[in-house]
Amino acid sequence: MRYYYRIIILICLGWIATGCGNKEHEQQNIRQTRHHASTSDRYAVKTIQVEGGWGYAIYVDSTMYVKQEHIPAIAGVVPFASEADALLVGTLAKEKLEQGLMPPTVTVEEMVNLGIVLPAQN
């Protein structure tokens, strides 16, 4: 009979230990998810139509923070050829802001890696 009590006690202790460990892990995941969601909710990218093409705007807490009406890092004032290109570069700049990089500079090389159509430079 003592043997059965020992087994029952061991099973209960294991169940309690496993349950508590999972609960802690679950709570940690919830905290991380909340932090990630709150960061993502703060930033938004919207494309804007400008004369001759596209640009983008980045909003932080619903307030416009960046307004980029032309392709960054190239000579001249040339808008993006497509809305998709503007959105891709705007999203990259937004991610840099989320990481705390100021200013959220985007290079020609990064745009080429994204497949952005860039005008020929002299």
PDB file of N, CA and C in Angstrom:
ATOM      1  N   MET A   1       0.819  -1.181   0.000  1.00  0.00           N
ATOM      2  CA  MET A   1       0.000   0.000   0.000  1.00  0.00           C
ATOM      3  C   MET A   1       0.873   1.260   0.000  1.00  0.00           C
ATOM      4  N   ARG A   2       1.957   1.243   0.774  1.00  0.00           N
ATOM      5  CA  ARG A   2       2.862   2.384   0.808  1.00  0.00           C
ATOM      6  C   ARG A   2       3.433   2.652  -0.577  1.00  0.00           C
ATOM      7  N   TYR A   3       3.654   1.601  -1.303  1.00  0.00           N
ATOM      8  CA  TYR A   3       4.200   1.721  -2.665  1.00  0.00           C
ATOM      9  C   TYR A   3       3.271   2.578  -3.535  1.00  0.00           C
ATOM     10  N   TYR A   4       1.971   2.334  -3.457  1.00  0.00           N
ATOM     11  CA  TYR A   4       1.006   3.090  -4.239  1.00  0.00           C
ATOM     12  C   TYR A   4       0.954   4.559  -3.828  1.00  0.00           C
ATOM     13  N   TYR A   5       1.042   4.811  -2.514  1.00  0.00           N
ATOM     14  CA  TYR A   5       1.046   6.193  -2.033  1.00  0.00           C
ATOM     15  C   TYR A   5       2.268   6.944  -2.566  1.00  0.00           C
ATOM     16  N   ARG A   6       3.406   6.266  -2.562  1.00  0.00           N
ATOM     17  CA  ARG A   6       4.631   6.890  -3.070  1.00  0.00           C
ATOM     18  C   ARG A   6       4.486   7.230  -4.561  1.00  0.00           C
ATOM     19  N   ILE A   7       3.938   6.316  -5.301  1.00  0.00           N
ATOM     20  CA  ILE A   7       3.738   6.542  -6.737  1.00  0.00           C
ATOM     21  C   ILE A   7       2.790   7.713  -6.948  1.00  0.00           C
ATOM     22  N   ILE A   8       1.705   7.745  -6.201  1.00  0.00           N
ATOM     23  CA  ILE A   8       0.719   8.826  -6.329  1.00  0.00           C
ATOM     24  C   ILE A   8       1.358  10.165  -5.961  1.00  0.00           C
ATOM     25  N   ILE A   9       2.135  10.172  -4.893  1.00  0.00           N
ATOM     26  CA  ILE A   9       2.805  11.407  -4.473  1.00  0.00           C
ATOM     27  C   ILE A   9       3.795  11.857  -5.537  1.00  0.00           C
ATOM     28  N   LEU A  10       4.576  10.937  -6.090  1.00  0.00           N
ATOM     29  CA  LEU A  10       5.541  11.284  -7.142  1.00  0.00           C
ATOM     30  C   LEU A  10       4.834  11.819  -8.391  1.00  0.00           C
ATOM     31  N   ILE A  11       3.745  11.204  -8.756  1.00  0.00           N
ATOM     32  CA  ILE A  11       2.979  11.668  -9.923  1.00  0.00           C
ATOM     33  C   ILE A  11       2.443  13.073  -9.671  1.00  0.00           C
ATOM     34  N   CYS A  12       1.898  13.301  -8.475  1.00  0.00           N
ATOM     35  CA  CYS A  12       1.362  14.634  -8.149  1.00  0.00           C
ATOM     36  C   CYS A  12       2.469  15.684  -8.138  1.00  0.00           C
ATOM     37  N   LEU A  13       3.606  15.358  -7.542  1.00  0.00           N
ATOM     38  CA  LEU A  13       4.723  16.300  -7.514  1.00  0.00           C
ATOM     39  C   LEU A  13       5.213  16.614  -8.937  1.00  0.00           C
ATOM     40  N   GLY A  14       5.311  15.599  -9.768  1.00  0.00           N
ATOM     41  CA  GLY A  14       5.716  15.814 -11.159  1.00  0.00           C
ATOM     42  C   GLY A  14       4.711  16.663 -11.913  1.00  0.00           C
ATOM     43  N   TRP A  15       3.446  16.400 -11.683  1.00  0.00           N
ATOM     44  CA  TRP A  15       2.387  17.176 -12.339  1.00  0.00           C
ATOM     45  C   TRP A  15       2.433  18.631 -11.900  1.00  0.00           C
ATOM     46  N   ILE A  16       2.623  18.861 -10.600  1.00  0.00           N
ATOM     47  CA  ILE A  16       2.703  20.226 -10.073  1.00  0.00           C
ATOM     48  C   ILE A  16       3.922  20.940 -10.642  1.00  0.00           C
ATOM     49  N   ALA A  17       5.064  20.264 -10.642  1.00  0.00           N
ATOM     50  CA  ALA A  17       6.298  20.883 -11.158  1.00  0.00           C
ATOM     51  C   ALA A  17       6.166  21.205 -12.639  1.00  0.00           C
ATOM     52  N   THR A  18       5.608  20.306 -13.410  1.00  0.00           N
ATOM     53  CA  THR A  18       5.441  20.536 -14.841  1.00  0.00           C
ATOM     54  C   THR A  18       4.430  21.646 -15.094  1.00  0.00           C
ATOM     55  N   GLY A  19       3.340  21.640 -14.356  1.00  0.00           N
ATOM     56  CA  GLY A  19       2.316  22.672 -14.521  1.00  0.00           C
ATOM     57  C   GLY A  19       2.852  24.053 -14.215  1.00  0.00           C
ATOM     58  N   CYS A  20       3.607  24.194 -13.157  1.00  0.00           N
ATOM     59  CA  CYS A  20       4.163  25.505 -12.793  1.00  0.00           C
ATOM     60  C   CYS A  20       5.180  25.969 -13.815  1.00  0.00           C
ATOM     61  N   GLY A  21       6.022  25.049 -14.271  1.00  0.00           N
ATOM     62  CA  GLY A  21       7.030  25.412 -15.271  1.00  0.00           C
ATOM     63  C   GLY A  21       6.377  25.889 -16.557  1.00  0.00           C
ATOM     64  N   ASN A  22       5.349  25.210 -17.003  1.00  0.00           N
ATOM     65  CA  ASN A  22       4.658  25.609 -18.228  1.00  0.00           C
ATOM     66  C   ASN A  22       3.965  26.947 -18.040  1.00  0.00           C
ATOM     67  N   LYS A  23       3.413  27.173 -16.869  1.00  0.00           N
ATOM     68  CA  LYS A  23       2.716  28.421 -16.604  1.00  0.00           C
ATOM     69  C   LYS A  23       3.693  29.596 -16.686  1.00  0.00           C
ATOM     70  N   GLU A  24       4.877  29.432 -16.081  1.00  0.00           N
ATOM     71  CA  GLU A  24       5.895  30.489 -16.146  1.00  0.00           C
ATOM     72  C   GLU A  24       6.292  30.753 -17.595  1.00  0.00           C
ATOM     73  N   HIS A  25       6.531  29.694 -18.335  1.00  0.00           N
ATOM     74  CA  HIS A  25       6.933  29.820 -19.739  1.00  0.00           C
ATOM     75  C   HIS A  25       5.824  30.506 -20.543  1.00  0.00           C
ATOM     76  N   GLU A  26       4.581  30.123 -20.264  1.00  0.00           N
ATOM     77  CA  GLU A  26       3.433  30.724 -20.943  1.00  0.00           C
ATOM     78  C   GLU A  26       3.348  32.222 -20.663  1.00  0.00           C
ATOM     79  N   GLN A  27       3.530  32.597 -19.385  1.00  0.00           N
ATOM     80  CA  GLN A  27       3.472  34.007 -19.012  1.00  0.00           C
ATOM     81  C   GLN A  27       4.599  34.796 -19.668  1.00  0.00           C
ATOM     82  N   GLN A  28       5.783  34.203 -19.763  1.00  0.00           N
ATOM     83  CA  GLN A  28       6.911  34.878 -20.417  1.00  0.00           C
ATOM     84  C   GLN A  28       6.597  35.091 -21.894  1.00  0.00           C
ATOM     85  N   ASN A  29       6.012  34.103 -22.557  1.00  0.00           N
ATOM     86  CA  ASN A  29       5.640  34.250 -23.964  1.00  0.00           C
ATOM     87  C   ASN A  29       4.604  35.351 -24.148  1.00  0.00           C
ATOM     88  N   ILE A  30       3.648  35.442 -23.229  1.00  0.00           N
ATOM     89  CA  ILE A  30       2.621  36.484 -23.313  1.00  0.00           C
ATOM     90  C   ILE A  30       3.260  37.855 -23.178  1.00  0.00           C
ATOM     91  N   ARG A  31       4.197  38.019 -22.218  1.00  0.00           N
ATOM     92  CA  ARG A  31       4.881  39.302 -22.043  1.00  0.00           C
ATOM     93  C   ARG A  31       5.640  39.682 -23.300  1.00  0.00           C
ATOM     94  N   GLN A  32       6.357  38.722 -23.904  1.00  0.00           N
ATOM     95  CA  GLN A  32       7.111  39.005 -25.128  1.00  0.00           C
ATOM     96  C   GLN A  32       6.177  39.379 -26.264  1.00  0.00           C
ATOM     97  N   THR A  33       5.062  38.681 -26.379  1.00  0.00           N
ATOM     98  CA  THR A  33       4.103  38.972 -27.437  1.00  0.00           C
ATOM     99  C   THR A  33       3.527  40.371 -27.256  1.00  0.00           C
ATOM    100  N   ARG A  34       3.193  40.735 -26.028  1.00  0.00           N
ATOM    101  CA  ARG A  34       2.660  42.063 -25.776  1.00  0.00           C
ATOM    102  C   ARG A  34       3.675  43.132 -26.154  1.00  0.00           C
ATOM    103  N   HIS A  35       4.949  42.910 -25.791  1.00  0.00           N
ATOM    104  CA  HIS A  35       5.985  43.887 -26.115  1.00  0.00           C
ATOM    105  C   HIS A  35       6.119  44.021 -27.624  1.00  0.00           C
ATOM    106  N   HIS A  36       6.154  42.899 -28.332  1.00  0.00           N
ATOM    107  CA  HIS A  36       6.282  42.926 -29.784  1.00  0.00           C
ATOM    108  C   HIS A  36       5.081  43.635 -30.402  1.00  0.00           C
ATOM    109  N   ALA A  37       3.895  43.303 -29.937  1.00  0.00           N
ATOM    110  CA  ALA A  37       2.688  43.909 -30.501  1.00  0.00           C
ATOM    111  C   ALA A  37       2.666  45.410 -30.237  1.00  0.00           C
ATOM    112  N   SER A  38       3.085  45.821 -29.045  1.00  0.00           N
ATOM    113  CA  SER A  38       3.034  47.250 -28.744  1.00  0.00           C
ATOM    114  C   SER A  38       4.026  48.017 -29.602  1.00  0.00           C
ATOM    115  N   THR A  39       5.187  47.424 -29.896  1.00  0.00           N
ATOM    116  CA  THR A  39       6.158  48.084 -30.767  1.00  0.00           C
ATOM    117  C   THR A  39       5.602  48.169 -32.183  1.00  0.00           C
ATOM    118  N   SER A  40       5.061  47.084 -32.693  1.00  0.00           N
ATOM    119  CA  SER A  40       4.537  47.067 -34.051  1.00  0.00           C
ATOM    120  C   SER A  40       3.345  47.998 -34.212  1.00  0.00           C
ATOM    121  N   ASP A  41       2.509  48.099 -33.183  1.00  0.00           N
ATOM    122  CA  ASP A  41       1.334  48.957 -33.257  1.00  0.00           C
ATOM    123  C   ASP A  41       1.706  50.432 -33.311  1.00  0.00           C
ATOM    124  N   ARG A  42       2.865  50.782 -32.822  1.00  0.00           N
ATOM    125  CA  ARG A  42       3.273  52.185 -32.785  1.00  0.00           C
ATOM    126  C   ARG A  42       3.680  52.700 -34.158  1.00  0.00           C
ATOM    127  N   TYR A  43       4.147  51.841 -35.031  1.00  0.00           N
ATOM    128  CA  TYR A  43       4.712  52.261 -36.317  1.00  0.00           C
ATOM    129  C   TYR A  43       3.849  51.782 -37.476  1.00  0.00           C
ATOM    130  N   ALA A  44       3.692  52.655 -38.476  1.00  0.00           N
ATOM    131  CA  ALA A  44       2.930  52.287 -39.673  1.00  0.00           C
ATOM    132  C   ALA A  44       3.553  52.970 -40.884  1.00  0.00           C
ATOM    133  N   VAL A  45       3.502  52.290 -42.016  1.00  0.00           N
ATOM    134  CA  VAL A  45       3.992  52.847 -43.281  1.00  0.00           C
ATOM    135  C   VAL A  45       2.811  52.977 -44.221  1.00  0.00           C
ATOM    136  N   LYS A  46       2.724  54.129 -44.865  1.00  0.00           N
ATOM    137  CA  LYS A  46       1.686  54.335 -45.875  1.00  0.00           C
ATOM    138  C   LYS A  46       2.359  54.906 -47.116  1.00  0.00           C
ATOM    139  N   THR A  47       1.937  54.426 -48.275  1.00  0.00           N
ATOM    140  CA  THR A  47       2.457  54.985 -49.518  1.00  0.00           C
ATOM    141  C   THR A  47       1.715  56.276 -49.810  1.00  0.00           C
ATOM    142  N   ILE A  48       2.402  57.187 -50.483  1.00  0.00           N
ATOM    143  CA  ILE A  48       1.774  58.448 -50.889  1.00  0.00           C
ATOM    144  C   ILE A  48       2.058  58.675 -52.367  1.00  0.00           C
ATOM    145  N   GLN A  49       1.058  59.091 -53.074  1.00  0.00           N
ATOM    146  CA  GLN A  49       1.240  59.389 -54.486  1.00  0.00           C
ATOM    147  C   GLN A  49       1.754  60.818 -54.609  1.00  0.00           C
ATOM    148  N   VAL A  50       2.854  60.954 -55.354  1.00  0.00           N
ATOM    149  CA  VAL A  50       3.458  62.271 -55.564  1.00  0.00           C
ATOM    150  C   VAL A  50       3.562  62.503 -57.068  1.00  0.00           C
ATOM    151  N   GLU A  51       3.894  63.701 -57.444  1.00  0.00           N
ATOM    152  CA  GLU A  51       4.010  64.012 -58.869  1.00  0.00           C
ATOM    153  C   GLU A  51       5.063  63.108 -59.512  1.00  0.00           C
ATOM    154  N   GLY A  52       4.637  62.339 -60.484  1.00  0.00           N
ATOM    155  CA  GLY A  52       5.548  61.475 -61.233  1.00  0.00           C
ATOM    156  C   GLY A  52       5.823  60.119 -60.624  1.00  0.00           C
ATOM    157  N   GLY A  53       5.173  59.769 -59.511  1.00  0.00           N
ATOM    158  CA  GLY A  53       5.426  58.448 -58.929  1.00  0.00           C
ATOM    159  C   GLY A  53       4.902  58.298 -57.515  1.00  0.00           C
ATOM    160  N   TRP A  54       5.738  57.662 -56.673  1.00  0.00           N
ATOM    161  CA  TRP A  54       5.310  57.295 -55.325  1.00  0.00           C
ATOM    162  C   TRP A  54       6.364  57.656 -54.291  1.00  0.00           C
ATOM    163  N   GLY A  55       5.911  57.832 -53.072  1.00  0.00           N
ATOM    164  CA  GLY A  55       6.761  58.020 -51.908  1.00  0.00           C
ATOM    165  C   GLY A  55       6.136  57.261 -50.752  1.00  0.00           C
ATOM    166  N   TYR A  56       6.636  57.510 -49.547  1.00  0.00           N
ATOM    167  CA  TYR A  56       6.058  56.855 -48.382  1.00  0.00           C
ATOM    168  C   TYR A  56       6.118  57.789 -47.178  1.00  0.00           C
ATOM    169  N   ALA A  57       5.278  57.484 -46.214  1.00  0.00           N
ATOM    170  CA  ALA A  57       5.272  58.201 -44.942  1.00  0.00           C
ATOM    171  C   ALA A  57       5.293  57.166 -43.832  1.00  0.00           C
ATOM    172  N   ILE A  58       6.042  57.467 -42.773  1.00  0.00           N
ATOM    173  CA  ILE A  58       6.089  56.585 -41.606  1.00  0.00           C
ATOM    174  C   ILE A  58       5.423  57.330 -40.459  1.00  0.00           C
ATOM    175  N   TYR A  59       4.490  56.662 -39.833  1.00  0.00           N
ATOM    176  CA  TYR A  59       3.760  57.229 -38.709  1.00  0.00           C
ATOM    177  C   TYR A  59       4.195  56.551 -37.418  1.00  0.00           C
ATOM    178  N   VAL A  60       4.394  57.337 -36.378  1.00  0.00           N
ATOM    179  CA  VAL A  60       4.690  56.823 -35.048  1.00  0.00           C
ATOM    180  C   VAL A  60       3.570  57.317 -34.139  1.00  0.00           C
ATOM    181  N   ASP A  61       2.885  56.374 -33.529  1.00  0.00           N
ATOM    182  CA  ASP A  61       1.734  56.703 -32.684  1.00  0.00           C
ATOM    183  C   ASP A  61       0.743  57.595 -33.434  1.00  0.00           C
ATOM    184  N   SER A  62       0.449  57.249 -34.660  1.00  0.00           N
ATOM    185  CA  SER A  62      -0.513  57.947 -35.524  1.00  0.00           C
ATOM    186  C   SER A  62      -0.096  59.356 -35.940  1.00  0.00           C
ATOM    187  N   THR A  63       1.139  59.739 -35.669  1.00  0.00           N
ATOM    188  CA  THR A  63       1.648  61.046 -36.074  1.00  0.00           C
ATOM    189  C   THR A  63       2.714  60.842 -37.147  1.00  0.00           C
ATOM    190  N   MET A  64       2.613  61.597 -38.246  1.00  0.00           N
ATOM    191  CA  MET A  64       3.601  61.447 -39.315  1.00  0.00           C
ATOM    192  C   MET A  64       4.987  61.823 -38.783  1.00  0.00           C
ATOM    193  N   TYR A  65       5.915  60.901 -38.933  1.00  0.00           N
ATOM    194  CA  TYR A  65       7.274  61.081 -38.431  1.00  0.00           C
ATOM    195  C   TYR A  65       8.263  61.289 -39.573  1.00  0.00           C
ATOM    196  N   VAL A  66       8.053  60.578 -40.668  1.00  0.00           N
ATOM    197  CA  VAL A  66       8.908  60.681 -41.858  1.00  0.00           C
ATOM    198  C   VAL A  66       8.010  60.820 -43.071  1.00  0.00           C
ATOM    199  N   LYS A  67       8.350  61.764 -43.938  1.00  0.00           N
ATOM    200  CA  LYS A  67       7.658  61.883 -45.223  1.00  0.00           C
ATOM    201  C   LYS A  67       8.737  61.874 -46.293  1.00  0.00           C
ATOM    202  N   GLN A  68       8.789  60.787 -47.058  1.00  0.00           N
ATOM    203  CA  GLN A  68       9.826  60.601 -48.070  1.00  0.00           C
ATOM    204  C   GLN A  68       9.151  60.596 -49.438  1.00  0.00           C
ATOM    205  N   GLU A  69       9.266  61.717 -50.149  1.00  0.00           N
ATOM    206  CA  GLU A  69       8.578  61.861 -51.427  1.00  0.00           C
ATOM    207  C   GLU A  69       9.437  61.464 -52.616  1.00  0.00           C
ATOM    208  N   HIS A  70      10.674  61.063 -52.355  1.00  0.00           N
ATOM    209  CA  HIS A  70      11.562  60.655 -53.444  1.00  0.00           C
ATOM    210  C   HIS A  70      12.469  59.533 -52.967  1.00  0.00           C
ATOM    211  N   ILE A  71      13.167  58.914 -53.904  1.00  0.00           N
ATOM    212  CA  ILE A  71      14.057  57.803 -53.571  1.00  0.00           C
ATOM    213  C   ILE A  71      15.242  58.346 -52.765  1.00  0.00           C
ATOM    214  N   PRO A  72      15.475  57.789 -51.579  1.00  0.00           N
ATOM    215  CA  PRO A  72      16.603  58.268 -50.783  1.00  0.00           C
ATOM    216  C   PRO A  72      17.940  57.761 -51.337  1.00  0.00           C
ATOM    217  N   ALA A  73      19.012  58.431 -50.970  1.00  0.00           N
ATOM    218  CA  ALA A  73      20.384  58.003 -51.248  1.00  0.00           C
ATOM    219  C   ALA A  73      20.809  58.111 -52.715  1.00  0.00           C
ATOM    220  N   ILE A  74      20.006  58.768 -53.539  1.00  0.00           N
ATOM    221  CA  ILE A  74      20.437  58.974 -54.920  1.00  0.00           C
ATOM    222  C   ILE A  74      20.394  60.480 -55.211  1.00  0.00           C
ATOM    223  N   ALA A  75      21.151  60.879 -56.217  1.00  0.00           N
ATOM    224  CA  ALA A  75      21.184  62.298 -56.593  1.00  0.00           C
ATOM    225  C   ALA A  75      19.867  62.687 -57.260  1.00  0.00           C
ATOM    226  N   GLY A  76      19.407  63.886 -56.974  1.00  0.00           N
ATOM    227  CA  GLY A  76      18.184  64.389 -57.592  1.00  0.00           C
ATOM    228  C   GLY A  76      16.949  64.045 -56.792  1.00  0.00           C
ATOM    229  N   VAL A  77      15.841  64.564 -57.269  1.00  0.00           N
ATOM    230  CA  VAL A  77      14.545  64.328 -56.625  1.00  0.00           C
ATOM    231  C   VAL A  77      13.726  63.470 -57.578  1.00  0.00           C
ATOM    232  N   VAL A  78      13.838  62.156 -57.391  1.00  0.00           N
ATOM    233  CA  VAL A  78      13.173  61.196 -58.271  1.00  0.00           C
ATOM    234  C   VAL A  78      12.248  60.323 -57.420  1.00  0.00           C
ATOM    235  N   PRO A  79      10.949  60.308 -57.713  1.00  0.00           N
ATOM    236  CA  PRO A  79      10.031  59.465 -56.946  1.00  0.00           C
ATOM    237  C   PRO A  79      10.209  57.990 -57.317  1.00  0.00           C
ATOM    238  N   PHE A  80       9.670  57.129 -56.471  1.00  0.00           N
ATOM    239  CA  PHE A  80       9.691  55.696 -56.766  1.00  0.00           C
ATOM    240  C   PHE A  80       8.810  55.430 -57.984  1.00  0.00           C
ATOM    241  N   ALA A  81       9.230  54.487 -58.813  1.00  0.00           N
ATOM    242  CA  ALA A  81       8.490  54.158 -60.029  1.00  0.00           C
ATOM    243  C   ALA A  81       7.174  53.450 -59.726  1.00  0.00           C
ATOM    244  N   SER A  82       7.120  52.709 -58.603  1.00  0.00           N
ATOM    245  CA  SER A  82       5.889  51.980 -58.281  1.00  0.00           C
ATOM    246  C   SER A  82       5.555  52.119 -56.802  1.00  0.00           C
ATOM    247  N   GLU A  83       4.305  51.909 -56.515  1.00  0.00           N
ATOM    248  CA  GLU A  83       3.851  51.935 -55.125  1.00  0.00           C
ATOM    249  C   GLU A  83       4.510  50.812 -54.328  1.00  0.00           C
ATOM    250  N   ALA A  84       4.683  49.658 -54.966  1.00  0.00           N
ATOM    251  CA  ALA A  84       5.309  48.511 -54.295  1.00  0.00           C
ATOM    252  C   ALA A  84       6.737  48.838 -53.869  1.00  0.00           C
ATOM    253  N   ASP A  85       7.496  49.525 -54.732  1.00  0.00           N
ATOM    254  CA  ASP A  85       8.870  49.910 -54.390  1.00  0.00           C
ATOM    255  C   ASP A  85       8.875  50.860 -53.194  1.00  0.00           C
ATOM    256  N   ALA A  86       7.979  51.835 -53.202  1.00  0.00           N
ATOM    257  CA  ALA A  86       7.896  52.792 -52.095  1.00  0.00           C
ATOM    258  C   ALA A  86       7.555  52.077 -50.791  1.00  0.00           C
ATOM    259  N   LEU A  87       6.651  51.122 -50.865  1.00  0.00           N
ATOM    260  CA  LEU A  87       6.254  50.383 -49.674  1.00  0.00           C
ATOM    261  C   LEU A  87       7.409  49.539 -49.133  1.00  0.00           C
ATOM    262  N   LEU A  88       8.155  48.882 -50.012  1.00  0.00           N
ATOM    263  CA  LEU A  88       9.296  48.069 -49.579  1.00  0.00           C
ATOM    264  C   LEU A  88      10.340  48.914 -48.845  1.00  0.00           C
ATOM    265  N   VAL A  89      10.705  50.037 -49.418  1.00  0.00           N
ATOM    266  CA  VAL A  89      11.722  50.895 -48.802  1.00  0.00           C
ATOM    267  C   VAL A  89      11.181  51.528 -47.526  1.00  0.00           C
ATOM    268  N   GLY A  90       9.925  51.929 -47.539  1.00  0.00           N
ATOM    269  CA  GLY A  90       9.307  52.485 -46.344  1.00  0.00           C
ATOM    270  C   GLY A  90       9.277  51.478 -45.201  1.00  0.00           C
ATOM    271  N   THR A  91       8.995  50.240 -45.532  1.00  0.00           N
ATOM    272  CA  THR A  91       8.978  49.182 -44.516  1.00  0.00           C
ATOM    273  C   THR A  91      10.375  48.958 -43.937  1.00  0.00           C
ATOM    274  N   LEU A  92      11.389  48.994 -44.787  1.00  0.00           N
ATOM    275  CA  LEU A  92      12.768  48.857 -44.306  1.00  0.00           C
ATOM    276  C   LEU A  92      13.115  50.012 -43.357  1.00  0.00           C
ATOM    277  N   ALA A  93      12.765  51.223 -43.722  1.00  0.00           N
ATOM    278  CA  ALA A  93      13.030  52.386 -42.871  1.00  0.00           C
ATOM    279  C   ALA A  93      12.268  52.272 -41.547  1.00  0.00           C
ATOM    280  N   LYS A  94      11.030  51.792 -41.602  1.00  0.00           N
ATOM    281  CA  LYS A  94      10.218  51.604 -40.389  1.00  0.00           C
ATOM    282  C   LYS A  94      10.881  50.593 -39.459  1.00  0.00           C
ATOM    283  N   GLU A  95      11.397  49.497 -40.019  1.00  0.00           N
ATOM    284  CA  GLU A  95      12.069  48.483 -39.210  1.00  0.00           C
ATOM    285  C   GLU A  95      13.300  49.065 -38.523  1.00  0.00           C
ATOM    286  N   LYS A  96      13.999  49.944 -39.220  1.00  0.00           N
ATOM    287  CA  LYS A  96      15.162  50.589 -38.617  1.00  0.00           C
ATOM    288  C   LYS A  96      14.742  51.496 -37.457  1.00  0.00           C
ATOM    289  N   LEU A  97      13.644  52.200 -37.634  1.00  0.00           N
ATOM    290  CA  LEU A  97      13.119  53.030 -36.539  1.00  0.00           C
ATOM    291  C   LEU A  97      12.747  52.164 -35.338  1.00  0.00           C
ATOM    292  N   GLU A  98      12.091  51.039 -35.595  1.00  0.00           N
ATOM    293  CA  GLU A  98      11.690  50.134 -34.521  1.00  0.00           C
ATOM    294  C   GLU A  98      12.900  49.619 -33.751  1.00  0.00           C
ATOM    295  N   GLN A  99      14.035  49.489 -34.430  1.00  0.00           N
ATOM    296  CA  GLN A  99      15.268  49.023 -33.793  1.00  0.00           C
ATOM    297  C   GLN A  99      16.021  50.161 -33.110  1.00  0.00           C
ATOM    298  N   GLY A 100      15.493  51.379 -33.220  1.00  0.00           N
ATOM    299  CA  GLY A 100      16.125  52.511 -32.571  1.00  0.00           C
ATOM    300  C   GLY A 100      17.196  53.191 -33.402  1.00  0.00           C
ATOM    301  N   LEU A 101      17.311  52.852 -34.677  1.00  0.00           N
ATOM    302  CA  LEU A 101      18.313  53.471 -35.548  1.00  0.00           C
ATOM    303  C   LEU A 101      17.816  54.835 -36.015  1.00  0.00           C
ATOM    304  N   MET A 102      18.569  55.857 -35.693  1.00  0.00           N
ATOM    305  CA  MET A 102      18.203  57.221 -36.078  1.00  0.00           C
ATOM    306  C   MET A 102      19.377  57.906 -36.733  1.00  0.00           C
ATOM    307  N   PRO A 103      19.244  58.497 -37.864  1.00  0.00           N
ATOM    308  CA  PRO A 103      18.046  58.425 -38.702  1.00  0.00           C
ATOM    309  C   PRO A 103      17.954  57.052 -39.372  1.00  0.00           C
ATOM    310  N   PRO A 104      16.790  56.686 -39.851  1.00  0.00           N
ATOM    311  CA  PRO A 104      16.617  55.367 -40.481  1.00  0.00           C
ATOM    312  C   PRO A 104      17.114  55.381 -41.935  1.00  0.00           C
ATOM    313  N   THR A 105      18.395  55.580 -42.098  1.00  0.00           N
ATOM    314  CA  THR A 105      18.992  55.732 -43.424  1.00  0.00           C
ATOM    315  C   THR A 105      18.896  54.443 -44.232  1.00  0.00           C
ATOM    316  N   VAL A 106      18.492  54.578 -45.492  1.00  0.00           N
ATOM    317  CA  VAL A 106      18.412  53.452 -46.420  1.00  0.00           C
ATOM    318  C   VAL A 106      19.455  53.697 -47.504  1.00  0.00           C
ATOM    319  N   THR A 107      20.292  52.699 -47.773  1.00  0.00           N
ATOM    320  CA  THR A 107      21.368  52.850 -48.752  1.00  0.00           C
ATOM    321  C   THR A 107      20.945  52.335 -50.128  1.00  0.00           C
ATOM    322  N   VAL A 108      21.701  52.730 -51.128  1.00  0.00           N
ATOM    323  CA  VAL A 108      21.465  52.244 -52.492  1.00  0.00           C
ATOM    324  C   VAL A 108      21.602  50.725 -52.516  1.00  0.00           C
ATOM    325  N   GLU A 109      22.608  50.210 -51.841  1.00  0.00           N
ATOM    326  CA  GLU A 109      22.834  48.757 -51.810  1.00  0.00           C
ATOM    327  C   GLU A 109      21.625  48.018 -51.219  1.00  0.00           C
ATOM    328  N   GLU A 110      21.049  48.547 -50.147  1.00  0.00           N
ATOM    329  CA  GLU A 110      19.872  47.914 -49.551  1.00  0.00           C
ATOM    330  C   GLU A 110      18.701  47.923 -50.526  1.00  0.00           C
ATOM    331  N   MET A 111      18.539  49.029 -51.245  1.00  0.00           N
ATOM    332  CA  MET A 111      17.438  49.094 -52.205  1.00  0.00           C
ATOM    333  C   MET A 111      17.661  48.117 -53.361  1.00  0.00           C
ATOM    334  N   VAL A 112      18.902  48.006 -53.827  1.00  0.00           N
ATOM    335  CA  VAL A 112      19.211  47.044 -54.897  1.00  0.00           C
ATOM    336  C   VAL A 112      18.897  45.626 -54.409  1.00  0.00           C
ATOM    337  N   ASN A 113      19.263  45.321 -53.154  1.00  0.00           N
ATOM    338  CA  ASN A 113      18.973  43.999 -52.592  1.00  0.00           C
ATOM    339  C   ASN A 113      17.479  43.724 -52.489  1.00  0.00           C
ATOM    340  N   LEU A 114      16.689  44.778 -52.342  1.00  0.00           N
ATOM    341  CA  LEU A 114      15.228  44.629 -52.300  1.00  0.00           C
ATOM    342  C   LEU A 114      14.621  44.511 -53.703  1.00  0.00           C
ATOM    343  N   GLY A 115      15.435  44.761 -54.725  1.00  0.00           N
ATOM    344  CA  GLY A 115      14.946  44.696 -56.100  1.00  0.00           C
ATOM    345  C   GLY A 115      14.263  45.973 -56.557  1.00  0.00           C
ATOM    346  N   ILE A 116      14.590  47.086 -55.907  1.00  0.00           N
ATOM    347  CA  ILE A 116      13.975  48.374 -56.246  1.00  0.00           C
ATOM    348  C   ILE A 116      14.544  48.867 -57.582  1.00  0.00           C
ATOM    349  N   VAL A 117      13.662  49.384 -58.420  1.00  0.00           N
ATOM    350  CA  VAL A 117      14.083  49.945 -59.711  1.00  0.00           C
ATOM    351  C   VAL A 117      14.623  51.343 -59.435  1.00  0.00           C
ATOM    352  N   LEU A 118      15.920  51.537 -59.690  1.00  0.00           N
ATOM    353  CA  LEU A 118      16.557  52.831 -59.466  1.00  0.00           C
ATOM    354  C   LEU A 118      16.910  53.470 -60.809  1.00  0.00           C
ATOM    355  N   PRO A 119      16.811  54.783 -60.896  1.00  0.00           N
ATOM    356  CA  PRO A 119      17.189  55.458 -62.142  1.00  0.00           C
ATOM    357  C   PRO A 119      18.704  55.401 -62.337  1.00  0.00           C
ATOM    358  N   ALA A 120      19.123  55.464 -63.582  1.00  0.00           N
ATOM    359  CA  ALA A 120      20.563  55.454 -63.885  1.00  0.00           C
ATOM    360  C   ALA A 120      21.202  56.722 -63.328  1.00  0.00           C
ATOM    361  N   GLN A 121      22.354  56.566 -62.682  1.00  0.00           N
ATOM    362  CA  GLN A 121      23.072  57.702 -62.118  1.00  0.00           C
ATOM    363  C   GLN A 121      24.269  58.020 -63.003  1.00  0.00           C
ATOM    364  N   ASN A 122      24.616  59.302 -63.102  1.00  0.00           N
ATOM    365  CA  ASN A 122      25.755  59.733 -63.927  1.00  0.00           C
ATOM    366  C   ASN A 122      27.056  59.320 -63.319  1.00  0.00           C
TER     367      ASN A 122
END
